[in-house]
PDB file of all heavy atoms in Angstrom:
ATOM      1  N   PRO A   1       0.833  -1.209   0.000  1.00  0.00           N
ATOM      2  CA  PRO A   1       0.000   0.000   0.000  1.00  0.00           C
ATOM      3  C   PRO A   1       0.868   1.259   0.000  1.00  0.00           C
ATOM      4  O   PRO A   1       1.968   1.274   0.556  1.00  0.00           O
ATOM      5  CB  PRO A   1      -0.798  -0.110   1.295  1.00  0.00           C
ATOM      6  CG  PRO A   1      -0.029  -1.054   2.152  1.00  0.00           C
ATOM      7  CD  PRO A   1       0.760  -1.950   1.245  1.00  0.00           C
ATOM      8  N   GLN A   2       0.363   2.293  -0.639  1.00  0.00           N
ATOM      9  CA  GLN A   2       1.082   3.564  -0.665  1.00  0.00           C
ATOM     10  C   GLN A   2       0.911   4.258   0.677  1.00  0.00           C
ATOM     11  O   GLN A   2      -0.192   4.320   1.232  1.00  0.00           O
ATOM     12  CB  GLN A   2       0.545   4.462  -1.773  1.00  0.00           C
ATOM     13  CG  GLN A   2       1.293   5.777  -1.864  1.00  0.00           C
ATOM     14  CD  GLN A   2       0.838   6.628  -3.039  1.00  0.00           C
ATOM     15  OE1 GLN A   2      -0.147   6.320  -3.691  1.00  0.00           O
ATOM     16  NE2 GLN A   2       1.549   7.699  -3.306  1.00  0.00           N
ATOM     17  N   ASP A   3       2.001   4.773   1.202  1.00  0.00           N
ATOM     18  CA  ASP A   3       1.965   5.552   2.434  1.00  0.00           C
ATOM     19  C   ASP A   3       1.612   6.987   2.048  1.00  0.00           C
ATOM     20  O   ASP A   3       2.454   7.745   1.572  1.00  0.00           O
ATOM     21  CB  ASP A   3       3.325   5.485   3.127  1.00  0.00           C
ATOM     22  CG  ASP A   3       3.362   6.259   4.435  1.00  0.00           C
ATOM     23  OD1 ASP A   3       2.400   7.017   4.726  1.00  0.00           O
ATOM     24  OD2 ASP A   3       4.361   6.121   5.165  1.00  0.00           O
ATOM     25  N   ARG A   4       0.368   7.358   2.224  1.00  0.00           N
ATOM     26  CA  ARG A   4      -0.091   8.683   1.787  1.00  0.00           C
ATOM     27  C   ARG A   4       0.608   9.821   2.526  1.00  0.00           C
ATOM     28  O   ARG A   4       0.669  10.936   2.028  1.00  0.00           O
ATOM     29  CB  ARG A   4      -1.609   8.787   1.924  1.00  0.00           C
ATOM     30  CG  ARG A   4      -2.314   7.886   0.901  1.00  0.00           C
ATOM     31  CD  ARG A   4      -3.814   8.024   0.961  1.00  0.00           C
ATOM     32  NE  ARG A   4      -4.307   9.304   0.480  1.00  0.00           N
ATOM     33  CZ  ARG A   4      -4.548   9.597  -0.795  1.00  0.00           C
ATOM     34  NH1 ARG A   4      -4.328   8.707  -1.729  1.00  0.00           N
ATOM     35  NH2 ARG A   4      -5.033  10.763  -1.130  1.00  0.00           N
ATOM     36  N   SER A   5       1.174   9.541   3.705  1.00  0.00           N
ATOM     37  CA  SER A   5       1.891  10.598   4.423  1.00  0.00           C
ATOM     38  C   SER A   5       3.209  10.948   3.724  1.00  0.00           C
ATOM     39  O   SER A   5       3.775  12.010   3.963  1.00  0.00           O
ATOM     40  CB  SER A   5       2.163  10.183   5.868  1.00  0.00           C
ATOM     41  OG  SER A   5       3.123   9.143   5.920  1.00  0.00           O
ATOM     42  N   LYS A   6       3.694  10.052   2.858  1.00  0.00           N
ATOM     43  CA  LYS A   6       4.924  10.314   2.115  1.00  0.00           C
ATOM     44  C   LYS A   6       4.655  10.697   0.668  1.00  0.00           C
ATOM     45  O   LYS A   6       5.584  10.972  -0.087  1.00  0.00           O
ATOM     46  CB  LYS A   6       5.823   9.078   2.149  1.00  0.00           C
ATOM     47  CG  LYS A   6       6.331   8.760   3.545  1.00  0.00           C
ATOM     48  CD  LYS A   6       7.205   7.529   3.523  1.00  0.00           C
ATOM     49  CE  LYS A   6       7.686   7.209   4.930  1.00  0.00           C
ATOM     50  NZ  LYS A   6       8.463   5.959   4.949  1.00  0.00           N
ATOM     51  N   ALA A   7       3.401  10.702   0.278  1.00  0.00           N
ATOM     52  CA  ALA A   7       3.034  11.010  -1.103  1.00  0.00           C
ATOM     53  C   ALA A   7       2.936  12.517  -1.308  1.00  0.00           C
ATOM     54  O   ALA A   7       2.706  13.280  -0.368  1.00  0.00           O
ATOM     55  CB  ALA A   7       1.696  10.352  -1.448  1.00  0.00           C
ATOM     56  N   SER A   8       3.129  12.930  -2.538  1.00  0.00           N
ATOM     57  CA  SER A   8       2.889  14.319  -2.898  1.00  0.00           C
ATOM     58  C   SER A   8       1.957  14.314  -4.105  1.00  0.00           C
ATOM     59  O   SER A   8       1.853  13.323  -4.816  1.00  0.00           O
ATOM     60  CB  SER A   8       4.199  15.049  -3.225  1.00  0.00           C
ATOM     61  OG  SER A   8       4.852  14.427  -4.299  1.00  0.00           O
ATOM     62  N   PHE A   9       1.278  15.408  -4.298  1.00  0.00           N
ATOM     63  CA  PHE A   9       0.272  15.477  -5.343  1.00  0.00           C
ATOM     64  C   PHE A   9       0.501  16.715  -6.185  1.00  0.00           C
ATOM     65  O   PHE A   9       0.914  17.752  -5.680  1.00  0.00           O
ATOM     66  CB  PHE A   9      -1.132  15.506  -4.723  1.00  0.00           C
ATOM     67  CG  PHE A   9      -1.407  14.298  -3.878  1.00  0.00           C
ATOM     68  CD1 PHE A   9      -1.107  14.295  -2.527  1.00  0.00           C
ATOM     69  CD2 PHE A   9      -1.938  13.154  -4.444  1.00  0.00           C
ATOM     70  CE1 PHE A   9      -1.340  13.173  -1.755  1.00  0.00           C
ATOM     71  CE2 PHE A   9      -2.173  12.028  -3.685  1.00  0.00           C
ATOM     72  CZ  PHE A   9      -1.876  12.033  -2.338  1.00  0.00           C
ATOM     73  N   PHE A  10       0.228  16.585  -7.474  1.00  0.00           N
ATOM     74  CA  PHE A  10       0.374  17.707  -8.394  1.00  0.00           C
ATOM     75  C   PHE A  10      -0.720  17.574  -9.437  1.00  0.00           C
ATOM     76  O   PHE A  10      -0.997  16.469  -9.904  1.00  0.00           O
ATOM     77  CB  PHE A  10       1.756  17.659  -9.074  1.00  0.00           C
ATOM     78  CG  PHE A  10       2.146  18.956  -9.722  1.00  0.00           C
ATOM     79  CD1 PHE A  10       2.806  19.928  -8.998  1.00  0.00           C
ATOM     80  CD2 PHE A  10       1.864  19.205 -11.053  1.00  0.00           C
ATOM     81  CE1 PHE A  10       3.180  21.134  -9.589  1.00  0.00           C
ATOM     82  CE2 PHE A  10       2.221  20.394 -11.656  1.00  0.00           C
ATOM     83  CZ  PHE A  10       2.883  21.359 -10.918  1.00  0.00           C
ATOM     84  N   HIS A  11      -1.333  18.692  -9.785  1.00  0.00           N
ATOM     85  CA  HIS A  11      -2.409  18.655 -10.781  1.00  0.00           C
ATOM     86  C   HIS A  11      -1.862  18.221 -12.133  1.00  0.00           C
ATOM     87  O   HIS A  11      -0.647  18.177 -12.350  1.00  0.00           O
ATOM     88  CB  HIS A  11      -3.079  20.031 -10.901  1.00  0.00           C
ATOM     89  CG  HIS A  11      -2.138  21.124 -11.332  1.00  0.00           C
ATOM     90  ND1 HIS A  11      -1.787  21.320 -12.645  1.00  0.00           N
ATOM     91  CD2 HIS A  11      -1.466  22.051 -10.618  1.00  0.00           C
ATOM     92  CE1 HIS A  11      -0.945  22.339 -12.735  1.00  0.00           C
ATOM     93  NE2 HIS A  11      -0.728  22.792 -11.510  1.00  0.00           N
ATOM     94  N   LYS A  12      -2.746  17.899 -13.042  1.00  0.00           N
ATOM     95  CA  LYS A  12      -2.334  17.530 -14.389  1.00  0.00           C
ATOM     96  C   LYS A  12      -1.543  18.694 -14.985  1.00  0.00           C
ATOM     97  O   LYS A  12      -1.957  19.843 -14.910  1.00  0.00           O
ATOM     98  CB  LYS A  12      -3.566  17.235 -15.254  1.00  0.00           C
ATOM     99  CG  LYS A  12      -3.221  16.822 -16.655  1.00  0.00           C
ATOM    100  CD  LYS A  12      -4.465  16.513 -17.466  1.00  0.00           C
ATOM    101  CE  LYS A  12      -4.096  16.186 -18.889  1.00  0.00           C
ATOM    102  NZ  LYS A  12      -5.274  15.937 -19.711  1.00  0.00           N
ATOM    103  N   ARG A  13      -0.396  18.379 -15.551  1.00  0.00           N
ATOM    104  CA  ARG A  13       0.472  19.424 -16.101  1.00  0.00           C
ATOM    105  C   ARG A  13      -0.194  20.138 -17.264  1.00  0.00           C
ATOM    106  O   ARG A  13      -0.904  19.530 -18.058  1.00  0.00           O
ATOM    107  CB  ARG A  13       1.796  18.824 -16.558  1.00  0.00           C
ATOM    108  CG  ARG A  13       2.587  18.309 -15.359  1.00  0.00           C
ATOM    109  CD  ARG A  13       4.044  18.183 -15.616  1.00  0.00           C
ATOM    110  NE  ARG A  13       4.684  19.411 -16.025  1.00  0.00           N
ATOM    111  CZ  ARG A  13       5.123  20.362 -15.204  1.00  0.00           C
ATOM    112  NH1 ARG A  13       4.948  20.252 -13.919  1.00  0.00           N
ATOM    113  NH2 ARG A  13       5.726  21.421 -15.672  1.00  0.00           N
ATOM    114  N   SER A  14       0.073  21.423 -17.347  1.00  0.00           N
ATOM    115  CA  SER A  14      -0.397  22.224 -18.470  1.00  0.00           C
ATOM    116  C   SER A  14       0.818  22.959 -19.036  1.00  0.00           C
ATOM    117  O   SER A  14       1.889  22.983 -18.418  1.00  0.00           O
ATOM    118  CB  SER A  14      -1.462  23.224 -18.020  1.00  0.00           C
ATOM    119  OG  SER A  14      -0.881  24.197 -17.181  1.00  0.00           O
ATOM    120  N   ILE A  15       0.663  23.572 -20.168  1.00  0.00           N
ATOM    121  CA  ILE A  15       1.781  24.271 -20.805  1.00  0.00           C
ATOM    122  C   ILE A  15       2.311  25.396 -19.907  1.00  0.00           C
ATOM    123  O   ILE A  15       3.509  25.673 -19.884  1.00  0.00           O
ATOM    124  CB  ILE A  15       1.392  24.792 -22.215  1.00  0.00           C
ATOM    125  CG1 ILE A  15       2.640  25.210 -22.997  1.00  0.00           C
ATOM    126  CG2 ILE A  15       0.392  25.926 -22.139  1.00  0.00           C
ATOM    127  CD1 ILE A  15       3.562  24.085 -23.364  1.00  0.00           C
ATOM    128  N   GLU A  16       1.435  25.989 -19.126  1.00  0.00           N
ATOM    129  CA  GLU A  16       1.866  27.071 -18.229  1.00  0.00           C
ATOM    130  C   GLU A  16       2.858  26.589 -17.173  1.00  0.00           C
ATOM    131  O   GLU A  16       3.659  27.367 -16.661  1.00  0.00           O
ATOM    132  CB  GLU A  16       0.656  27.726 -17.547  1.00  0.00           C
ATOM    133  CG  GLU A  16      -0.202  28.556 -18.476  1.00  0.00           C
ATOM    134  CD  GLU A  16      -1.187  27.730 -19.305  1.00  0.00           C
ATOM    135  OE1 GLU A  16      -1.376  26.533 -19.018  1.00  0.00           O
ATOM    136  OE2 GLU A  16      -1.757  28.288 -20.258  1.00  0.00           O
ATOM    137  N   ASP A  17       2.815  25.303 -16.859  1.00  0.00           N
ATOM    138  CA  ASP A  17       3.741  24.758 -15.866  1.00  0.00           C
ATOM    139  C   ASP A  17       5.169  24.696 -16.381  1.00  0.00           C
ATOM    140  O   ASP A  17       6.100  24.501 -15.603  1.00  0.00           O
ATOM    141  CB  ASP A  17       3.294  23.357 -15.432  1.00  0.00           C
ATOM    142  CG  ASP A  17       1.963  23.381 -14.718  1.00  0.00           C
ATOM    143  OD1 ASP A  17       1.764  24.275 -13.879  1.00  0.00           O
ATOM    144  OD2 ASP A  17       1.126  22.519 -15.015  1.00  0.00           O
ATOM    145  N   SER A  18       5.362  24.844 -17.682  1.00  0.00           N
ATOM    146  CA  SER A  18       6.701  24.805 -18.274  1.00  0.00           C
ATOM    147  C   SER A  18       7.278  26.198 -18.512  1.00  0.00           C
ATOM    148  O   SER A  18       8.421  26.331 -18.925  1.00  0.00           O
ATOM    149  CB  SER A  18       6.663  24.048 -19.607  1.00  0.00           C
ATOM    150  OG  SER A  18       6.274  22.718 -19.404  1.00  0.00           O
ATOM    151  N   GLU A  19       6.487  27.235 -18.267  1.00  0.00           N
ATOM    152  CA  GLU A  19       6.967  28.604 -18.459  1.00  0.00           C
ATOM    153  C   GLU A  19       7.923  28.983 -17.337  1.00  0.00           C
ATOM    154  O   GLU A  19       7.643  28.753 -16.164  1.00  0.00           O
ATOM    155  CB  GLU A  19       5.805  29.597 -18.423  1.00  0.00           C
ATOM    156  CG  GLU A  19       4.977  29.623 -19.669  1.00  0.00           C
ATOM    157  CD  GLU A  19       3.892  30.664 -19.590  1.00  0.00           C
ATOM    158  OE1 GLU A  19       3.013  30.527 -18.716  1.00  0.00           O
ATOM    159  OE2 GLU A  19       3.931  31.606 -20.388  1.00  0.00           O
ATOM    160  N   ILE A  20       9.035  29.574 -17.699  1.00  0.00           N
ATOM    161  CA  ILE A  20      10.024  29.995 -16.716  1.00  0.00           C
ATOM    162  C   ILE A  20       9.594  31.325 -16.107  1.00  0.00           C
ATOM    163  O   ILE A  20       9.260  32.269 -16.809  1.00  0.00           O
ATOM    164  CB  ILE A  20      11.416  30.132 -17.364  1.00  0.00           C
ATOM    165  CG1 ILE A  20      11.888  28.754 -17.834  1.00  0.00           C
ATOM    166  CG2 ILE A  20      12.402  30.767 -16.387  1.00  0.00           C
ATOM    167  CD1 ILE A  20      13.165  28.787 -18.653  1.00  0.00           C
ATOM    168  N   ASP A  21       9.610  31.381 -14.791  1.00  0.00           N
ATOM    169  CA  ASP A  21       9.342  32.610 -14.043  1.00  0.00           C
ATOM    170  C   ASP A  21      10.690  33.101 -13.526  1.00  0.00           C
ATOM    171  O   ASP A  21      11.295  32.476 -12.651  1.00  0.00           O
ATOM    172  CB  ASP A  21       8.386  32.329 -12.886  1.00  0.00           C
ATOM    173  CG  ASP A  21       8.015  33.569 -12.102  1.00  0.00           C
ATOM    174  OD1 ASP A  21       8.763  34.580 -12.156  1.00  0.00           O
ATOM    175  OD2 ASP A  21       6.991  33.528 -11.404  1.00  0.00           O
ATOM    176  N   TRP A  22      11.184  34.196 -14.063  1.00  0.00           N
ATOM    177  CA  TRP A  22      12.523  34.681 -13.739  1.00  0.00           C
ATOM    178  C   TRP A  22      12.631  35.234 -12.332  1.00  0.00           C
ATOM    179  O   TRP A  22      13.739  35.534 -11.872  1.00  0.00           O
ATOM    180  CB  TRP A  22      12.978  35.692 -14.789  1.00  0.00           C
ATOM    181  CG  TRP A  22      13.141  34.996 -16.099  1.00  0.00           C
ATOM    182  CD1 TRP A  22      12.301  35.044 -17.173  1.00  0.00           C
ATOM    183  CD2 TRP A  22      14.156  34.056 -16.434  1.00  0.00           C
ATOM    184  NE1 TRP A  22      12.745  34.196 -18.158  1.00  0.00           N
ATOM    185  CE2 TRP A  22      13.890  33.574 -17.735  1.00  0.00           C
ATOM    186  CE3 TRP A  22      15.277  33.562 -15.758  1.00  0.00           C
ATOM    187  CZ2 TRP A  22      14.702  32.639 -18.367  1.00  0.00           C
ATOM    188  CZ3 TRP A  22      16.080  32.640 -16.391  1.00  0.00           C
ATOM    189  CH2 TRP A  22      15.791  32.187 -17.674  1.00  0.00           C
ATOM    190  N   ASN A  23      11.512  35.337 -11.609  1.00  0.00           N
ATOM    191  CA  ASN A  23      11.564  35.723 -10.199  1.00  0.00           C
ATOM    192  C   ASN A  23      11.919  34.542  -9.304  1.00  0.00           C
ATOM    193  O   ASN A  23      12.212  34.723  -8.132  1.00  0.00           O
ATOM    194  CB  ASN A  23      10.232  36.338  -9.756  1.00  0.00           C
ATOM    195  CG  ASN A  23      10.029  37.695 -10.383  1.00  0.00           C
ATOM    196  OD1 ASN A  23      10.851  38.584 -10.203  1.00  0.00           O
ATOM    197  ND2 ASN A  23       8.969  37.845 -11.152  1.00  0.00           N
ATOM    198  N   TRP A  24      11.868  33.339  -9.846  1.00  0.00           N
ATOM    199  CA  TRP A  24      12.287  32.163  -9.080  1.00  0.00           C
ATOM    200  C   TRP A  24      13.803  32.185  -8.906  1.00  0.00           C
ATOM    201  O   TRP A  24      14.533  32.695  -9.766  1.00  0.00           O
ATOM    202  CB  TRP A  24      11.926  30.900  -9.819  1.00  0.00           C
ATOM    203  CG  TRP A  24      10.494  30.505  -9.865  1.00  0.00           C
ATOM    204  CD1 TRP A  24       9.408  31.224  -9.475  1.00  0.00           C
ATOM    205  CD2 TRP A  24       9.989  29.275 -10.373  1.00  0.00           C
ATOM    206  NE1 TRP A  24       8.266  30.507  -9.701  1.00  0.00           N
ATOM    207  CE2 TRP A  24       8.601  29.305 -10.257  1.00  0.00           C
ATOM    208  CE3 TRP A  24      10.594  28.145 -10.924  1.00  0.00           C
ATOM    209  CZ2 TRP A  24       7.793  28.249 -10.657  1.00  0.00           C
ATOM    210  CZ3 TRP A  24       9.797  27.088 -11.324  1.00  0.00           C
ATOM    211  CH2 TRP A  24       8.418  27.142 -11.177  1.00  0.00           C
ATOM    212  N   PRO A  25      14.309  31.551  -7.851  1.00  0.00           N
ATOM    213  CA  PRO A  25      15.764  31.399  -7.720  1.00  0.00           C
ATOM    214  C   PRO A  25      16.314  30.559  -8.877  1.00  0.00           C
ATOM    215  O   PRO A  25      15.644  29.651  -9.386  1.00  0.00           O
ATOM    216  CB  PRO A  25      15.932  30.656  -6.396  1.00  0.00           C
ATOM    217  CG  PRO A  25      14.635  30.833  -5.666  1.00  0.00           C
ATOM    218  CD  PRO A  25      13.579  31.000  -6.720  1.00  0.00           C
ATOM    219  N   ALA A  26      17.540  30.842  -9.280  1.00  0.00           N
ATOM    220  CA  ALA A  26      18.172  30.111 -10.383  1.00  0.00           C
ATOM    221  C   ALA A  26      18.180  28.605 -10.125  1.00  0.00           C
ATOM    222  O   ALA A  26      18.022  27.815 -11.065  1.00  0.00           O
ATOM    223  CB  ALA A  26      19.595  30.624 -10.595  1.00  0.00           C
ATOM    224  N   GLU A  27      18.351  28.190  -8.882  1.00  0.00           N
ATOM    225  CA  GLU A  27      18.371  26.764  -8.558  1.00  0.00           C
ATOM    226  C   GLU A  27      17.048  26.103  -8.941  1.00  0.00           C
ATOM    227  O   GLU A  27      17.034  24.989  -9.471  1.00  0.00           O
ATOM    228  CB  GLU A  27      18.632  26.544  -7.055  1.00  0.00           C
ATOM    229  CG  GLU A  27      20.005  26.994  -6.596  1.00  0.00           C
ATOM    230  CD  GLU A  27      20.092  28.486  -6.254  1.00  0.00           C
ATOM    231  OE1 GLU A  27      19.096  29.243  -6.437  1.00  0.00           O
ATOM    232  OE2 GLU A  27      21.186  28.911  -5.837  1.00  0.00           O
ATOM    233  N   ASP A  28      15.940  26.774  -8.675  1.00  0.00           N
ATOM    234  CA  ASP A  28      14.626  26.226  -9.007  1.00  0.00           C
ATOM    235  C   ASP A  28      14.404  26.194 -10.520  1.00  0.00           C
ATOM    236  O   ASP A  28      13.815  25.247 -11.046  1.00  0.00           O
ATOM    237  CB  ASP A  28      13.509  27.044  -8.345  1.00  0.00           C
ATOM    238  CG  ASP A  28      13.469  26.861  -6.837  1.00  0.00           C
ATOM    239  OD1 ASP A  28      14.184  25.979  -6.308  1.00  0.00           O
ATOM    240  OD2 ASP A  28      12.732  27.612  -6.175  1.00  0.00           O
ATOM    241  N   ILE A  29      14.871  27.218 -11.217  1.00  0.00           N
ATOM    242  CA  ILE A  29      14.714  27.238 -12.672  1.00  0.00           C
ATOM    243  C   ILE A  29      15.554  26.130 -13.305  1.00  0.00           C
ATOM    244  O   ILE A  29      15.107  25.449 -14.232  1.00  0.00           O
ATOM    245  CB  ILE A  29      15.072  28.617 -13.259  1.00  0.00           C
ATOM    246  CG1 ILE A  29      14.157  29.703 -12.671  1.00  0.00           C
ATOM    247  CG2 ILE A  29      14.953  28.592 -14.785  1.00  0.00           C
ATOM    248  CD1 ILE A  29      14.573  31.126 -13.028  1.00  0.00           C
TER     249      ILE A  29
END
């Protein structure tokens, strides 16, 4: 069984999720 306390969730990806936001730290980009 999956341990839901260790799981993470993310919505279905969209094209906007691939856009770079230059206000993010370089490490995140």
